[in-house]
Amino acid sequence: EDGAHGIIADIFQALNDVGFSIPSQGSTYWNGDAMGSVDYKDLDETPEAVESTNATVAKNAAHLARLLADRPY
């Protein structure tokens, strides 16, 4: 989990540095059991926590897109 947070932080900071607008809670990730061998794409169902976060990420991105479309800077 720390790795995902670190990668997301680095990418978002780099994008921000070159002028991208990043929505709040603009990322999502899944990490399975430690040392596990199951990939996200191989899951039968999306875990509820990931599904909920994915929906929030999409809503926040759409909200920011509407704000920027209405009042570009």
C-alpha atoms as a PDB file:
ATOM      1  CA  GLU A   1       0.000   0.000   0.000  1.00  0.00           C
ATOM      2  CA  ASP A   2       2.824   2.411   0.786  1.00  0.00           C
ATOM      3  CA  GLY A   3       4.225   1.711  -2.675  1.00  0.00           C
ATOM      4  CA  ALA A   4       0.945   2.625  -4.353  1.00  0.00           C
ATOM      5  CA  HIS A   5       0.694   5.851  -2.355  1.00  0.00           C
ATOM      6  CA  GLY A   6       4.283   6.756  -3.202  1.00  0.00           C
ATOM      7  CA  ILE A   7       3.864   6.121  -6.921  1.00  0.00           C
ATOM      8  CA  ILE A   8       0.594   8.053  -7.044  1.00  0.00           C
ATOM      9  CA  ALA A   9       2.172  10.951  -5.137  1.00  0.00           C
ATOM     10  CA  ASP A  10       5.135  11.085  -7.519  1.00  0.00           C
ATOM     11  CA  ILE A  11       2.963  10.943 -10.644  1.00  0.00           C
ATOM     12  CA  PHE A  12       0.465  13.521  -9.385  1.00  0.00           C
ATOM     13  CA  GLN A  13       3.236  15.889  -8.324  1.00  0.00           C
ATOM     14  CA  ALA A  14       4.890  15.592 -11.742  1.00  0.00           C
ATOM     15  CA  LEU A  15       1.584  16.245 -13.506  1.00  0.00           C
ATOM     16  CA  ASN A  16       0.857  19.187 -11.213  1.00  0.00           C
ATOM     17  CA  ASP A  17       4.319  20.623 -11.887  1.00  0.00           C
ATOM     18  CA  VAL A  18       3.568  20.819 -15.617  1.00  0.00           C
ATOM     19  CA  GLY A  19       0.096  22.317 -15.212  1.00  0.00           C
ATOM     20  CA  PHE A  20      -2.355  19.450 -14.964  1.00  0.00           C
ATOM     21  CA  SER A  21      -5.400  19.811 -12.723  1.00  0.00           C
ATOM     22  CA  ILE A  22      -5.818  16.809 -10.454  1.00  0.00           C
ATOM     23  CA  PRO A  23      -9.210  16.092  -8.874  1.00  0.00           C
ATOM     24  CA  SER A  24      -9.418  15.376  -5.179  1.00  0.00           C
ATOM     25  CA  GLN A  25      -9.175  11.665  -4.456  1.00  0.00           C
ATOM     26  CA  GLY A  26      -8.094  11.204  -8.055  1.00  0.00           C
ATOM     27  CA  SER A  27      -6.597   7.754  -7.729  1.00  0.00           C
ATOM     28  CA  THR A  28      -7.540   4.215  -6.930  1.00  0.00           C
ATOM     29  CA  TYR A  29      -5.575   1.017  -6.527  1.00  0.00           C
ATOM     30  CA  TRP A  30      -5.908  -2.540  -5.368  1.00  0.00           C
ATOM     31  CA  ASN A  31      -3.304  -4.558  -3.582  1.00  0.00           C
ATOM     32  CA  GLY A  32      -3.957  -8.143  -2.788  1.00  0.00           C
ATOM     33  CA  ASP A  33      -2.608 -10.289  -0.009  1.00  0.00           C
ATOM     34  CA  ALA A  34       1.055  -9.840   0.766  1.00  0.00           C
ATOM     35  CA  MET A  35       3.153 -12.071  -1.469  1.00  0.00           C
ATOM     36  CA  GLY A  36      -0.070 -13.219  -3.148  1.00  0.00           C
ATOM     37  CA  SER A  37      -0.291 -14.411  -6.722  1.00  0.00           C
ATOM     38  CA  VAL A  38      -3.751 -13.089  -7.668  1.00  0.00           C
ATOM     39  CA  ASP A  39      -3.867 -10.196 -10.123  1.00  0.00           C
ATOM     40  CA  TYR A  40      -6.720  -7.689 -10.042  1.00  0.00           C
ATOM     41  CA  LYS A  41      -7.778  -8.690 -13.549  1.00  0.00           C
ATOM     42  CA  ASP A  42      -8.192 -12.282 -12.362  1.00  0.00           C
ATOM     43  CA  LEU A  43     -10.661 -11.502  -9.558  1.00  0.00           C
ATOM     44  CA  ASP A  44     -14.179 -12.850 -10.033  1.00  0.00           C
ATOM     45  CA  GLU A  45     -15.670  -9.691  -8.507  1.00  0.00           C
ATOM     46  CA  THR A  46     -14.397  -6.214  -7.751  1.00  0.00           C
ATOM     47  CA  PRO A  47     -14.007  -5.772  -3.981  1.00  0.00           C
ATOM     48  CA  GLU A  48     -16.626  -3.376  -2.541  1.00  0.00           C
ATOM     49  CA  ALA A  49     -14.011  -0.941  -1.219  1.00  0.00           C
ATOM     50  CA  VAL A  50     -12.347  -0.706  -4.641  1.00  0.00           C
ATOM     51  CA  GLU A  51     -15.683  -0.397  -6.445  1.00  0.00           C
ATOM     52  CA  SER A  52     -16.754   2.433  -4.148  1.00  0.00           C
ATOM     53  CA  THR A  53     -13.430   4.239  -4.550  1.00  0.00           C
ATOM     54  CA  ASN A  54     -13.551   3.820  -8.344  1.00  0.00           C
ATOM     55  CA  ALA A  55     -16.991   5.448  -8.390  1.00  0.00           C
ATOM     56  CA  THR A  56     -15.765   8.346  -6.244  1.00  0.00           C
ATOM     57  CA  VAL A  57     -12.716   8.871  -8.477  1.00  0.00           C
ATOM     58  CA  ALA A  58     -14.955   8.986 -11.561  1.00  0.00           C
ATOM     59  CA  LYS A  59     -17.402  11.421  -9.937  1.00  0.00           C
ATOM     60  CA  ASN A  60     -14.610  13.729  -8.775  1.00  0.00           C
ATOM     61  CA  ALA A  61     -12.963  13.703 -12.216  1.00  0.00           C
ATOM     62  CA  ALA A  62     -16.293  14.495 -13.906  1.00  0.00           C
ATOM     63  CA  HIS A  63     -16.945  17.289 -11.403  1.00  0.00           C
ATOM     64  CA  LEU A  64     -13.540  18.872 -12.063  1.00  0.00           C
ATOM     65  CA  ALA A  65     -14.055  18.539 -15.821  1.00  0.00           C
ATOM     66  CA  ARG A  66     -17.393  20.382 -15.561  1.00  0.00           C
ATOM     67  CA  LEU A  67     -15.834  23.133 -13.441  1.00  0.00           C
ATOM     68  CA  LEU A  68     -12.983  23.617 -15.907  1.00  0.00           C
ATOM     69  CA  ALA A  69     -15.346  23.547 -18.895  1.00  0.00           C
ATOM     70  CA  ASP A  70     -17.487  26.261 -17.303  1.00  0.00           C
ATOM     71  CA  ARG A  71     -14.580  28.429 -16.123  1.00  0.00           C
ATOM     72  CA  PRO A  72     -11.309  27.604 -17.845  1.00  0.00           C
ATOM     73  CA  TYR A  73      -8.225  29.319 -16.552  1.00  0.00           C
END
